[in-house]
Amino acid sequence: MKNLLLSLCFISFINMSFSQNEKGLGFRGGLNFSKLTNANLDYKTNGYFGIFYQVRLSDLYALQPEIGYSNQGGKTTDANIYVEYLTLGITNKLFLSPKAGLYMLVTPGFDFDLDDTLIGLINRGEGSGNNATFIDFTLSFGLGIEFKNGLAIEARYKQGLIDVYSGSFHNFESELFENETQFNSVFQIGLAYTFSLTKKE
C-alpha cells in the first residue's frame, strides 16, 4: 500500500512539474539521403515524415518524443533498394541560448521494418519481402534553428547500429552480404512546425 501511495505521489509530482512547462505538438518532414554501409550502394533520395510532442523543460533544454515514417535503403545503377521503417525516437534539444532559436539535437531511437509488421505480412506475397532485420537501433545527431512562429529548419545524421540484413540478404551477387555487416546511414534535411499547447496568461 505504501509503495502504491509513493508511486501515485511520484506520478502526480511529475505531472505537476510538466504542467508548468511549455508544450507543443508538431510535425516534421523532408528528404532522406540514405545508403547501406559495406554494400556497394550509392545514396538514394527519398523522404521522411512524422509527428512529435515537445516539452520545454528549461530555457536551454527540450524533450521531444517522435513517431514517423522513413524510406531508406540505397541504389545501384539498375535499381533502388527500399527499406521502409516506422520510427520511434526521443529527441533531446539543447538550445545554445535562452533567446536564440539555434539548437543541437541527439536522438536515440528504434526503427521497425514495415515489411515485417502485420500490415506488411498480410499484403506481401509468398517469397517476397526485403529480408531486412525487423528492428534497428539508431542514433541521430543534428542542428536546427527554430523561429518564433514555430517553424524550424533541421539537418540530422542518423546511424543504424544493427546489421540490416544479418547475412541473409542475397539479391546481390556479392560476398559482402555474407562476410560484412551493413548498417543504415542516413542524412536528413527538412522542416518542422510546432503548435503551442501552452495557454498564455
Protein backbone atom coordinates (compact mmCIF):
# COMPACT_ATOMS: atom_id res chain seq x y z
CA MET A 1 0.00 0.00 0.00
CA LYS A 2 2.86 2.34 0.87
CA ASN A 3 4.54 1.62 -2.48
CA LEU A 4 1.29 2.39 -4.31
CA LEU A 5 0.90 5.71 -2.49
CA LEU A 6 4.52 6.62 -3.17
CA SER A 7 4.06 5.78 -6.87
CA LEU A 8 0.91 7.91 -7.10
CA CYS A 9 2.69 10.81 -5.38
CA PHE A 10 5.63 10.49 -7.78
CA ILE A 11 3.36 10.43 -10.83
CA SER A 12 1.44 13.45 -9.53
CA PHE A 13 4.69 15.33 -8.92
CA ILE A 14 5.95 14.61 -12.45
CA ASN A 15 2.61 15.66 -13.94
CA MET A 16 2.60 18.92 -11.95
CA SER A 17 6.20 19.61 -12.95
CA PHE A 18 5.47 19.08 -16.64
CA SER A 19 2.26 21.12 -16.45
CA GLN A 20 4.32 24.22 -15.73
CA ASN A 21 6.45 23.79 -18.84
CA GLU A 22 5.81 24.94 -22.39
CA LYS A 23 4.36 22.17 -24.53
CA GLY A 24 3.90 21.82 -28.25
CA LEU A 25 2.54 19.37 -30.80
CA GLY A 26 4.09 19.36 -34.25
CA PHE A 27 5.05 17.62 -37.43
CA ARG A 28 8.30 17.23 -39.33
CA GLY A 29 9.20 16.08 -42.82
CA GLY A 30 11.83 16.31 -45.52
CA LEU A 31 14.37 14.43 -47.59
CA ASN A 32 16.41 11.33 -46.79
CA PHE A 33 19.77 10.68 -48.43
CA SER A 34 20.33 7.05 -47.46
CA LYS A 35 22.64 4.15 -48.16
CA LEU A 36 23.87 0.93 -46.55
CA THR A 37 27.48 0.59 -45.50
CA ASN A 38 29.63 -2.20 -46.99
CA ALA A 39 27.09 -2.83 -49.74
CA ASN A 40 28.47 -1.22 -52.93
CA LEU A 41 25.40 1.04 -53.00
CA ASP A 42 25.06 4.73 -53.78
CA TYR A 43 22.98 7.21 -51.80
CA LYS A 44 19.26 7.10 -52.57
CA THR A 45 16.97 10.13 -52.21
CA ASN A 46 13.59 9.65 -50.60
CA GLY A 47 11.53 11.10 -47.77
CA TYR A 48 10.54 11.02 -44.12
CA PHE A 49 7.68 12.50 -42.10
CA GLY A 50 6.34 12.28 -38.60
CA ILE A 51 4.71 13.93 -35.60
CA PHE A 52 6.14 14.88 -32.22
CA TYR A 53 5.27 16.19 -28.77
CA GLN A 54 7.70 18.74 -27.36
CA VAL A 55 8.12 19.70 -23.71
CA ARG A 56 10.42 22.64 -22.93
CA LEU A 57 11.86 21.60 -19.57
CA SER A 58 14.13 24.63 -19.25
CA ASP A 59 15.32 27.63 -21.24
CA LEU A 60 18.09 25.51 -22.77
CA TYR A 61 16.56 22.01 -22.98
CA ALA A 62 13.51 20.40 -24.58
CA LEU A 63 12.44 16.75 -24.68
CA GLN A 64 10.66 15.62 -27.85
CA PRO A 65 9.18 12.11 -28.32
CA GLU A 66 8.64 11.36 -32.03
CA ILE A 67 6.89 8.81 -34.24
CA GLY A 68 7.16 8.71 -38.02
CA TYR A 69 7.93 7.04 -41.32
CA SER A 70 11.31 6.88 -43.06
CA ASN A 71 12.08 5.46 -46.51
CA GLN A 72 15.70 4.26 -46.56
CA GLY A 73 18.00 1.86 -48.39
CA GLY A 74 20.29 2.65 -51.31
CA LYS A 75 20.57 2.33 -55.06
CA THR A 76 22.59 0.72 -57.81
CA THR A 77 22.81 1.68 -61.47
CA ASP A 78 19.92 -0.71 -62.14
CA ALA A 79 17.52 -0.37 -59.22
CA ASN A 80 16.61 1.27 -55.93
CA ILE A 81 16.71 -0.74 -52.71
CA TYR A 82 13.85 0.19 -50.39
CA VAL A 83 13.68 -0.42 -46.65
CA GLU A 84 10.71 1.36 -45.11
CA TYR A 85 10.60 2.00 -41.37
CA LEU A 86 8.22 3.00 -38.64
CA THR A 87 10.43 5.22 -36.49
CA LEU A 88 10.25 5.91 -32.74
CA GLY A 89 12.67 8.33 -31.13
CA ILE A 90 13.31 10.61 -28.17
CA THR A 91 14.94 13.84 -29.33
CA ASN A 92 16.94 15.87 -26.83
CA LYS A 93 17.17 19.51 -27.92
CA LEU A 94 19.97 21.63 -26.47
CA PHE A 95 19.42 25.34 -27.20
CA LEU A 96 22.54 27.48 -27.42
CA SER A 97 20.93 30.35 -25.50
CA PRO A 98 17.51 31.12 -23.97
CA LYS A 99 16.62 33.64 -26.68
CA ALA A 100 18.33 32.14 -29.75
CA GLY A 101 16.48 29.51 -31.76
CA LEU A 102 19.64 27.62 -32.72
CA TYR A 103 19.87 24.15 -31.15
CA MET A 104 21.75 20.88 -31.25
CA LEU A 105 19.93 17.57 -31.02
CA VAL A 106 20.63 13.98 -30.05
CA THR A 107 18.02 11.30 -30.81
CA PRO A 108 18.26 7.66 -29.72
CA GLY A 109 15.53 5.61 -31.37
CA PHE A 110 14.17 2.37 -32.77
CA ASP A 111 13.21 1.73 -36.40
CA PHE A 112 10.77 -1.10 -37.20
CA ASP A 113 10.80 -2.56 -40.73
CA LEU A 114 7.28 -2.05 -42.10
CA ASP A 115 7.70 -5.09 -44.35
CA ASP A 116 7.67 -7.26 -41.20
CA THR A 117 4.74 -5.58 -39.44
CA LEU A 118 1.25 -7.09 -39.55
CA ILE A 119 0.23 -4.89 -42.49
CA GLY A 120 3.31 -5.84 -44.49
CA LEU A 121 2.95 -9.55 -43.76
CA ILE A 122 -0.68 -9.53 -44.95
CA ASN A 123 -0.05 -7.54 -48.14
CA ARG A 124 3.10 -9.19 -49.47
CA GLY A 125 3.04 -12.37 -51.50
CA GLU A 126 4.85 -15.58 -50.70
CA GLY A 127 8.60 -15.31 -51.22
CA SER A 128 8.55 -11.51 -51.39
CA GLY A 129 9.84 -9.04 -48.85
CA ASN A 130 13.10 -7.22 -48.32
CA ASN A 131 14.70 -9.70 -45.86
CA ALA A 132 15.81 -6.79 -43.65
CA THR A 133 16.20 -7.20 -39.91
CA PHE A 134 12.92 -6.40 -38.16
CA ILE A 135 14.36 -3.75 -35.84
CA ASP A 136 17.21 -1.25 -35.94
CA PHE A 137 18.55 0.77 -33.01
CA THR A 138 19.58 4.22 -34.23
CA LEU A 139 21.40 7.29 -33.00
CA SER A 140 20.92 10.70 -34.64
CA PHE A 141 22.84 13.95 -34.28
CA GLY A 142 21.95 17.28 -35.82
CA LEU A 143 21.46 21.02 -35.82
CA GLY A 144 18.37 23.15 -36.20
CA ILE A 145 17.06 26.65 -35.97
CA GLU A 146 13.59 27.39 -34.62
CA PHE A 147 11.81 30.65 -35.43
CA LYS A 148 9.30 32.47 -33.22
CA ASN A 149 6.38 31.44 -35.45
CA GLY A 150 7.03 27.73 -34.68
CA LEU A 151 8.73 26.88 -37.96
CA ALA A 152 12.13 25.16 -37.79
CA ILE A 153 14.79 24.02 -40.26
CA GLU A 154 16.67 20.86 -39.30
CA ALA A 155 19.54 18.71 -40.51
CA ARG A 156 20.28 15.31 -38.98
CA TYR A 157 22.61 12.38 -39.50
CA LYS A 158 21.16 9.03 -38.45
CA GLN A 159 23.34 5.98 -37.96
CA GLY A 160 21.92 2.48 -37.61
CA LEU A 161 23.63 0.22 -35.09
CA ILE A 162 22.18 -3.20 -36.02
CA ASP A 163 23.17 -5.21 -39.10
CA VAL A 164 20.34 -4.58 -41.57
CA TYR A 165 20.49 -7.98 -43.23
CA SER A 166 22.38 -10.16 -40.74
CA GLY A 167 24.00 -12.08 -43.61
CA SER A 168 20.66 -13.20 -45.08
CA PHE A 169 20.22 -10.74 -47.97
CA HIS A 170 21.02 -12.47 -51.26
CA ASN A 171 19.67 -10.20 -54.01
CA PHE A 172 23.23 -9.12 -54.77
CA GLU A 173 25.88 -11.50 -56.05
CA SER A 174 28.45 -10.31 -53.56
CA GLU A 175 30.27 -11.84 -50.63
CA LEU A 176 29.92 -8.53 -48.81
CA PHE A 177 26.47 -9.53 -47.57
CA GLU A 178 27.87 -12.74 -46.10
CA ASN A 179 31.20 -11.51 -44.72
CA GLU A 180 30.50 -7.86 -43.77
CA THR A 181 27.84 -6.00 -41.83
CA GLN A 182 25.51 -3.47 -43.41
CA PHE A 183 24.30 -0.50 -41.36
CA ASN A 184 21.82 2.23 -42.23
CA SER A 185 23.45 5.58 -42.94
CA VAL A 186 21.03 8.47 -43.46
CA PHE A 187 21.33 12.24 -43.90
CA GLN A 188 18.07 14.11 -43.31
CA ILE A 189 17.19 17.71 -44.09
CA GLY A 190 13.73 19.16 -43.68
CA LEU A 191 11.22 21.37 -41.90
CA ALA A 192 9.34 21.11 -38.63
CA TYR A 193 6.42 23.09 -37.29
CA THR A 194 5.29 23.26 -33.66
CA PHE A 195 1.80 24.27 -32.48
CA SER A 196 1.96 25.66 -28.94
CA LEU A 197 -0.29 23.87 -26.44
CA THR A 198 0.57 26.20 -23.56
CA LYS A 199 -2.13 28.67 -22.61
CA LYS A 200 -0.92 32.24 -22.44
CA GLU A 201 -1.91 34.15 -19.34
